[in-house]
PDB file of N, CA and C in Angstrom:
ATOM      1  N   UNK A   1       0.842  -1.168   0.000  1.00  0.00           N
ATOM      2  CA  UNK A   1       0.000   0.000   0.000  1.00  0.00           C
ATOM      3  C   UNK A   1       0.888   1.233   0.000  1.00  0.00           C
ATOM      4  N   UNK A   2       0.798   2.042  -1.027  1.00  0.00           N
ATOM      5  CA  UNK A   2       1.620   3.239  -1.076  1.00  0.00           C
ATOM      6  C   UNK A   2       1.018   4.332  -0.196  1.00  0.00           C
ATOM      7  N   UNK A   3       1.839   5.239   0.187  1.00  0.00           N
ATOM      8  CA  UNK A   3       1.433   6.335   1.066  1.00  0.00           C
ATOM      9  C   UNK A   3       0.715   7.417   0.272  1.00  0.00           C
ATOM     10  N   UNK A   4      -0.071   8.207   0.959  1.00  0.00           N
ATOM     11  CA  UNK A   4      -0.833   9.268   0.300  1.00  0.00           C
ATOM     12  C   UNK A   4      -0.097  10.605   0.303  1.00  0.00           C
ATOM     13  N   UNK A   5       1.058  10.664   0.914  1.00  0.00           N
ATOM     14  CA  UNK A   5       1.807  11.914   0.952  1.00  0.00           C
ATOM     15  C   UNK A   5       2.240  12.304  -0.448  1.00  0.00           C
ATOM     16  N   UNK A   6       2.388  13.601  -0.649  1.00  0.00           N
ATOM     17  CA  UNK A   6       2.796  14.092  -1.952  1.00  0.00           C
ATOM     18  C   UNK A   6       4.271  13.808  -2.206  1.00  0.00           C
ATOM     19  N   UNK A   7       4.567  13.616  -3.473  1.00  0.00           N
ATOM     20  CA  UNK A   7       5.950  13.410  -3.889  1.00  0.00           C
ATOM     21  C   UNK A   7       6.708  14.730  -3.790  1.00  0.00           C
ATOM     22  N   UNK A   8       7.994  14.618  -3.461  1.00  0.00           N
ATOM     23  CA  UNK A   8       8.914  15.748  -3.487  1.00  0.00           C
ATOM     24  C   UNK A   8      10.005  15.395  -4.483  1.00  0.00           C
ATOM     25  N   UNK A   9      10.562  16.373  -5.171  1.00  0.00           N
ATOM     26  CA  UNK A   9      11.684  16.057  -6.057  1.00  0.00           C
ATOM     27  C   UNK A   9      12.871  15.596  -5.221  1.00  0.00           C
ATOM     28  N   UNK A  10      13.583  14.606  -5.699  1.00  0.00           N
ATOM     29  CA  UNK A  10      14.754  14.113  -4.970  1.00  0.00           C
ATOM     30  C   UNK A  10      15.940  15.002  -5.326  1.00  0.00           C
ATOM     31  N   UNK A  11      16.143  16.014  -4.493  1.00  0.00           N
ATOM     32  CA  UNK A  11      17.216  16.981  -4.688  1.00  0.00           C
ATOM     33  C   UNK A  11      18.002  17.123  -3.387  1.00  0.00           C
ATOM     34  N   UNK A  12      19.113  17.822  -3.457  1.00  0.00           N
ATOM     35  CA  UNK A  12      19.905  18.072  -2.245  1.00  0.00           C
ATOM     36  C   UNK A  12      19.090  18.831  -1.215  1.00  0.00           C
ATOM     37  N   UNK A  13      18.264  19.754  -1.679  1.00  0.00           N
ATOM     38  CA  UNK A  13      17.421  20.529  -0.772  1.00  0.00           C
ATOM     39  C   UNK A  13      16.430  19.632  -0.036  1.00  0.00           C
ATOM     40  N   UNK A  14      15.828  18.706  -0.752  1.00  0.00           N
ATOM     41  CA  UNK A  14      14.884  17.773  -0.135  1.00  0.00           C
ATOM     42  C   UNK A  14      15.602  16.893   0.877  1.00  0.00           C
ATOM     43  N   UNK A  15      16.774  16.397   0.507  1.00  0.00           N
ATOM     44  CA  UNK A  15      17.551  15.568   1.432  1.00  0.00           C
ATOM     45  C   UNK A  15      17.867  16.367   2.694  1.00  0.00           C
ATOM     46  N   UNK A  16      18.227  17.628   2.529  1.00  0.00           N
ATOM     47  CA  UNK A  16      18.534  18.473   3.679  1.00  0.00           C
ATOM     48  C   UNK A  16      17.340  18.767   4.565  1.00  0.00           C
ATOM     49  N   UNK A  17      16.143  18.653   4.020  1.00  0.00           N
ATOM     50  CA  UNK A  17      14.933  18.927   4.805  1.00  0.00           C
ATOM     51  C   UNK A  17      14.398  17.696   5.537  1.00  0.00           C
ATOM     52  N   UNK A  18      14.987  16.545   5.287  1.00  0.00           N
ATOM     53  CA  UNK A  18      14.506  15.316   5.941  1.00  0.00           C
ATOM     54  C   UNK A  18      14.828  15.363   7.434  1.00  0.00           C
ATOM     55  N   UNK A  19      13.879  14.971   8.262  1.00  0.00           N
ATOM     56  CA  UNK A  19      14.141  14.966   9.702  1.00  0.00           C
ATOM     57  C   UNK A  19      15.154  13.884  10.080  1.00  0.00           C
ATOM     58  N   UNK A  20      15.879  14.123  11.129  1.00  0.00           N
ATOM     59  CA  UNK A  20      16.837  13.145  11.640  1.00  0.00           C
ATOM     60  C   UNK A  20      16.063  12.103  12.441  1.00  0.00           C
ATOM     61  N   UNK A  21      15.402  11.205  11.709  1.00  0.00           N
ATOM     62  CA  UNK A  21      14.533  10.208  12.326  1.00  0.00           C
ATOM     63  C   UNK A  21      14.442   8.996  11.405  1.00  0.00           C
ATOM     64  N   UNK A  22      13.962   7.912  11.969  1.00  0.00           N
ATOM     65  CA  UNK A  22      13.688   6.725  11.164  1.00  0.00           C
ATOM     66  C   UNK A  22      12.344   6.903  10.473  1.00  0.00           C
ATOM     67  N   UNK A  23      12.174   6.192   9.368  1.00  0.00           N
ATOM     68  CA  UNK A  23      10.907   6.261   8.686  1.00  0.00           C
ATOM     69  C   UNK A  23      10.828   5.304   7.517  1.00  0.00           C
ATOM     70  N   UNK A  24       9.663   5.298   6.906  1.00  0.00           N
ATOM     71  CA  UNK A  24       9.419   4.564   5.674  1.00  0.00           C
ATOM     72  C   UNK A  24       9.658   5.536   4.531  1.00  0.00           C
ATOM     73  N   UNK A  25      10.424   5.120   3.534  1.00  0.00           N
ATOM     74  CA  UNK A  25      10.731   5.974   2.389  1.00  0.00           C
ATOM     75  C   UNK A  25      10.255   5.276   1.122  1.00  0.00           C
ATOM     76  N   UNK A  26       9.558   6.017   0.263  1.00  0.00           N
ATOM     77  CA  UNK A  26       9.188   5.529  -1.062  1.00  0.00           C
ATOM     78  C   UNK A  26       9.916   6.383  -2.090  1.00  0.00           C
ATOM     79  N   UNK A  27      10.571   5.721  -3.025  1.00  0.00           N
ATOM     80  CA  UNK A  27      11.250   6.400  -4.122  1.00  0.00           C
ATOM     81  C   UNK A  27      10.424   6.187  -5.374  1.00  0.00           C
ATOM     82  N   UNK A  28      10.275   7.271  -6.158  1.00  0.00           N
ATOM     83  CA  UNK A  28       9.427   7.191  -7.334  1.00  0.00           C
ATOM     84  C   UNK A  28      10.089   7.719  -8.589  1.00  0.00           C
ATOM     85  N   UNK A  29       9.427   7.438  -9.711  1.00  0.00           N
ATOM     86  CA  UNK A  29       9.900   7.949 -10.993  1.00  0.00           C
ATOM     87  C   UNK A  29       9.214   9.288 -11.277  1.00  0.00           C
ATOM     88  N   UNK A  30       9.472   9.850 -12.422  1.00  0.00           N
ATOM     89  CA  UNK A  30       8.900  11.139 -12.782  1.00  0.00           C
ATOM     90  C   UNK A  30       7.402  11.132 -13.004  1.00  0.00           C
ATOM     91  N   UNK A  31       6.814   9.949 -13.155  1.00  0.00           N
ATOM     92  CA  UNK A  31       5.373   9.831 -13.381  1.00  0.00           C
ATOM     93  C   UNK A  31       4.588   9.535 -12.110  1.00  0.00           C
ATOM     94  N   UNK A  32       5.272   9.436 -10.967  1.00  0.00           N
ATOM     95  CA  UNK A  32       4.593   9.175  -9.706  1.00  0.00           C
ATOM     96  C   UNK A  32       4.417   7.709  -9.366  1.00  0.00           C
ATOM     97  N   UNK A  33       5.078   6.827 -10.105  1.00  0.00           N
ATOM     98  CA  UNK A  33       5.014   5.395  -9.786  1.00  0.00           C
ATOM     99  C   UNK A  33       6.092   5.063  -8.757  1.00  0.00           C
ATOM    100  N   UNK A  34       5.758   4.230  -7.809  1.00  0.00           N
ATOM    101  CA  UNK A  34       6.715   3.813  -6.792  1.00  0.00           C
ATOM    102  C   UNK A  34       7.718   2.839  -7.417  1.00  0.00           C
ATOM    103  N   UNK A  35       8.995   3.168  -7.309  1.00  0.00           N
ATOM    104  CA  UNK A  35      10.057   2.279  -7.778  1.00  0.00           C
ATOM    105  C   UNK A  35      10.436   1.268  -6.711  1.00  0.00           C
ATOM    106  N   UNK A  36      10.534   1.745  -5.478  1.00  0.00           N
ATOM    107  CA  UNK A  36      10.871   0.869  -4.357  1.00  0.00           C
ATOM    108  C   UNK A  36      10.595   1.601  -3.051  1.00  0.00           C
ATOM    109  N   UNK A  37      10.501   0.824  -2.000  1.00  0.00           N
ATOM    110  CA  UNK A  37      10.287   1.370  -0.655  1.00  0.00           C
ATOM    111  C   UNK A  37      11.307   0.736   0.271  1.00  0.00           C
ATOM    112  N   UNK A  38      11.696   1.487   1.280  1.00  0.00           N
ATOM    113  CA  UNK A  38      12.644   0.976   2.262  1.00  0.00           C
ATOM    114  C   UNK A  38      12.362   1.639   3.603  1.00  0.00           C
ATOM    115  N   UNK A  39      12.908   1.066   4.643  1.00  0.00           N
ATOM    116  CA  UNK A  39      12.811   1.640   5.978  1.00  0.00           C
ATOM    117  C   UNK A  39      14.229   1.891   6.474  1.00  0.00           C
ATOM    118  N   UNK A  40      14.416   3.012   7.134  1.00  0.00           N
ATOM    119  CA  UNK A  40      15.737   3.317   7.655  1.00  0.00           C
ATOM    120  C   UNK A  40      15.802   4.728   8.191  1.00  0.00           C
ATOM    121  N   UNK A  41      17.026   5.176   8.446  1.00  0.00           N
ATOM    122  CA  UNK A  41      17.267   6.531   8.925  1.00  0.00           C
ATOM    123  C   UNK A  41      17.121   7.460   7.731  1.00  0.00           C
ATOM    124  N   UNK A  42      16.142   8.342   7.778  1.00  0.00           N
ATOM    125  CA  UNK A  42      15.735   9.116   6.608  1.00  0.00           C
ATOM    126  C   UNK A  42      16.877   9.844   5.898  1.00  0.00           C
ATOM    127  N   UNK A  43      17.697  10.646   6.591  1.00  0.00           N
ATOM    128  CA  UNK A  43      18.761  11.347   5.864  1.00  0.00           C
ATOM    129  C   UNK A  43      19.716  10.397   5.141  1.00  0.00           C
ATOM    130  N   UNK A  44      20.044   9.292   5.773  1.00  0.00           N
ATOM    131  CA  UNK A  44      20.961   8.327   5.148  1.00  0.00           C
ATOM    132  C   UNK A  44      20.350   7.690   3.909  1.00  0.00           C
ATOM    133  N   UNK A  45      19.105   7.282   3.998  1.00  0.00           N
ATOM    134  CA  UNK A  45      18.436   6.641   2.857  1.00  0.00           C
ATOM    135  C   UNK A  45      18.329   7.604   1.676  1.00  0.00           C
ATOM    136  N   UNK A  46      17.977   8.849   1.952  1.00  0.00           N
ATOM    137  CA  UNK A  46      17.837   9.840   0.885  1.00  0.00           C
ATOM    138  C   UNK A  46      19.180  10.189   0.258  1.00  0.00           C
ATOM    139  N   UNK A  47      20.219  10.367   1.080  1.00  0.00           N
ATOM    140  CA  UNK A  47      21.554  10.678   0.541  1.00  0.00           C
ATOM    141  C   UNK A  47      22.055   9.551  -0.353  1.00  0.00           C
ATOM    142  N   UNK A  48      21.852   8.315   0.078  1.00  0.00           N
ATOM    143  CA  UNK A  48      22.312   7.179  -0.717  1.00  0.00           C
ATOM    144  C   UNK A  48      21.588   7.119  -2.066  1.00  0.00           C
ATOM    145  N   UNK A  49      20.285   7.328  -2.046  1.00  0.00           N
ATOM    146  CA  UNK A  49      19.529   7.286  -3.304  1.00  0.00           C
ATOM    147  C   UNK A  49      19.930   8.441  -4.218  1.00  0.00           C
ATOM    148  N   UNK A  50      20.132   9.617  -3.658  1.00  0.00           N
ATOM    149  CA  UNK A  50      20.535  10.760  -4.466  1.00  0.00           C
ATOM    150  C   UNK A  50      21.888  10.503  -5.130  1.00  0.00           C
ATOM    151  N   UNK A  51      22.793   9.878  -4.397  1.00  0.00           N
ATOM    152  CA  UNK A  51      24.146   9.635  -4.918  1.00  0.00           C
ATOM    153  C   UNK A  51      24.207   8.467  -5.894  1.00  0.00           C
ATOM    154  N   UNK A  52      23.462   7.400  -5.625  1.00  0.00           N
ATOM    155  CA  UNK A  52      23.655   6.157  -6.385  1.00  0.00           C
ATOM    156  C   UNK A  52      22.412   5.636  -7.095  1.00  0.00           C
ATOM    157  N   UNK A  53      21.246   6.166  -6.765  1.00  0.00           N
ATOM    158  CA  UNK A  53      20.007   5.612  -7.301  1.00  0.00           C
ATOM    159  C   UNK A  53      19.529   6.315  -8.552  1.00  0.00           C
ATOM    160  N   UNK A  54      18.352   5.904  -8.991  1.00  0.00           N
ATOM    161  CA  UNK A  54      17.772   6.467 -10.208  1.00  0.00           C
ATOM    162  C   UNK A  54      16.404   7.105  -9.979  1.00  0.00           C
ATOM    163  N   UNK A  55      15.995   7.231  -8.722  1.00  0.00           N
ATOM    164  CA  UNK A  55      14.690   7.831  -8.427  1.00  0.00           C
ATOM    165  C   UNK A  55      14.716   9.329  -8.701  1.00  0.00           C
ATOM    166  N   UNK A  56      13.571   9.844  -9.095  1.00  0.00           N
ATOM    167  CA  UNK A  56      13.413  11.279  -9.336  1.00  0.00           C
ATOM    168  C   UNK A  56      12.617  11.964  -8.234  1.00  0.00           C
ATOM    169  N   UNK A  57      11.862  11.172  -7.474  1.00  0.00           N
ATOM    170  CA  UNK A  57      10.983  11.737  -6.454  1.00  0.00           C
ATOM    171  C   UNK A  57      11.038  10.874  -5.197  1.00  0.00           C
ATOM    172  N   UNK A  58      10.623  11.464  -4.088  1.00  0.00           N
ATOM    173  CA  UNK A  58      10.649  10.764  -2.807  1.00  0.00           C
ATOM    174  C   UNK A  58       9.488  11.248  -1.945  1.00  0.00           C
ATOM    175  N   UNK A  59       9.035  10.363  -1.087  1.00  0.00           N
ATOM    176  CA  UNK A  59       8.103  10.733  -0.020  1.00  0.00           C
ATOM    177  C   UNK A  59       8.395   9.819   1.155  1.00  0.00           C
ATOM    178  N   UNK A  60       8.102  10.301   2.337  1.00  0.00           N
ATOM    179  CA  UNK A  60       8.401   9.503   3.521  1.00  0.00           C
ATOM    180  C   UNK A  60       7.355   9.694   4.586  1.00  0.00           C
ATOM    181  N   UNK A  61       7.355   8.727   5.491  1.00  0.00           N
ATOM    182  CA  UNK A  61       6.519   8.789   6.682  1.00  0.00           C
ATOM    183  C   UNK A  61       7.439   8.569   7.871  1.00  0.00           C
ATOM    184  N   UNK A  62       7.469   9.522   8.740  1.00  0.00           N
ATOM    185  CA  UNK A  62       8.332   9.454   9.919  1.00  0.00           C
ATOM    186  C   UNK A  62       7.826   8.368  10.870  1.00  0.00           C
ATOM    187  N   UNK A  63       8.771   7.664  11.480  1.00  0.00           N
ATOM    188  CA  UNK A  63       8.437   6.603  12.430  1.00  0.00           C
ATOM    189  C   UNK A  63       9.000   6.951  13.803  1.00  0.00           C
ATOM    190  N   UNK A  64       8.525   6.262  14.809  1.00  0.00           N
ATOM    191  CA  UNK A  64       8.976   6.511  16.173  1.00  0.00           C
ATOM    192  C   UNK A  64      10.269   5.776  16.496  1.00  0.00           C
ATOM    193  N   UNK A  65      10.586   4.740  15.710  1.00  0.00           N
ATOM    194  CA  UNK A  65      11.792   3.954  15.948  1.00  0.00           C
ATOM    195  C   UNK A  65      12.104   3.159  14.682  1.00  0.00           C
ATOM    196  N   UNK A  66      13.270   2.502  14.680  1.00  0.00           N
ATOM    197  CA  UNK A  66      13.623   1.646  13.545  1.00  0.00           C
ATOM    198  C   UNK A  66      12.609   0.522  13.401  1.00  0.00           C
ATOM    199  N   UNK A  67      12.191  -0.057  14.516  1.00  0.00           N
ATOM    200  CA  UNK A  67      11.219  -1.149  14.475  1.00  0.00           C
ATOM    201  C   UNK A  67       9.886  -0.681  13.913  1.00  0.00           C
ATOM    202  N   UNK A  68       9.469   0.510  14.297  1.00  0.00           N
ATOM    203  CA  UNK A  68       8.226   1.067  13.771  1.00  0.00           C
ATOM    204  C   UNK A  68       8.341   1.280  12.260  1.00  0.00           C
ATOM    205  N   UNK A  69       9.474   1.794  11.804  1.00  0.00           N
ATOM    206  CA  UNK A  69       9.694   1.990  10.370  1.00  0.00           C
ATOM    207  C   UNK A  69       9.609   0.661   9.623  1.00  0.00           C
ATOM    208  N   UNK A  70      10.167  -0.382  10.199  1.00  0.00           N
ATOM    209  CA  UNK A  70      10.120  -1.699   9.558  1.00  0.00           C
ATOM    210  C   UNK A  70       8.696  -2.242   9.512  1.00  0.00           C
ATOM    211  N   UNK A  71       7.893  -1.971  10.534  1.00  0.00           N
ATOM    212  CA  UNK A  71       6.484  -2.375  10.514  1.00  0.00           C
ATOM    213  C   UNK A  71       5.725  -1.633   9.416  1.00  0.00           C
ATOM    214  N   UNK A  72       6.016  -0.337   9.265  1.00  0.00           N
ATOM    215  CA  UNK A  72       5.376   0.425   8.190  1.00  0.00           C
ATOM    216  C   UNK A  72       5.736  -0.151   6.829  1.00  0.00           C
ATOM    217  N   UNK A  73       6.978  -0.566   6.670  1.00  0.00           N
ATOM    218  CA  UNK A  73       7.403  -1.160   5.412  1.00  0.00           C
ATOM    219  C   UNK A  73       6.667  -2.474   5.172  1.00  0.00           C
ATOM    220  N   UNK A  74       6.498  -3.264   6.212  1.00  0.00           N
ATOM    221  CA  UNK A  74       5.785  -4.547   6.070  1.00  0.00           C
ATOM    222  C   UNK A  74       4.338  -4.331   5.628  1.00  0.00           C
ATOM    223  N   UNK A  75       3.756  -3.184   5.981  1.00  0.00           N
ATOM    224  CA  UNK A  75       2.376  -2.872   5.614  1.00  0.00           C
ATOM    225  C   UNK A  75       2.280  -2.372   4.174  1.00  0.00           C
ATOM    226  N   UNK A  76       3.407  -2.055   3.569  1.00  0.00           N
ATOM    227  CA  UNK A  76       3.422  -1.502   2.211  1.00  0.00           C
ATOM    228  C   UNK A  76       3.167  -2.573   1.182  1.00  0.00           C
TER     229      UNK A  76
END
């Protein structure tokens, strides 16, 4: 189940605006289709995708802990 949050462009500015927290992250293409989802520490996940991935957009849901983020991913 994908999240209802709006997509943001995957840019350095977006990465810099990510909270220092764990969460569920969805990476998307330019058409709004989900390419993949992951759970982890938001700034790290976004920086890695910006540097090495092919996603154009991102959206996330903040979690209370790493375990909570992993549960959110399992629900996806």
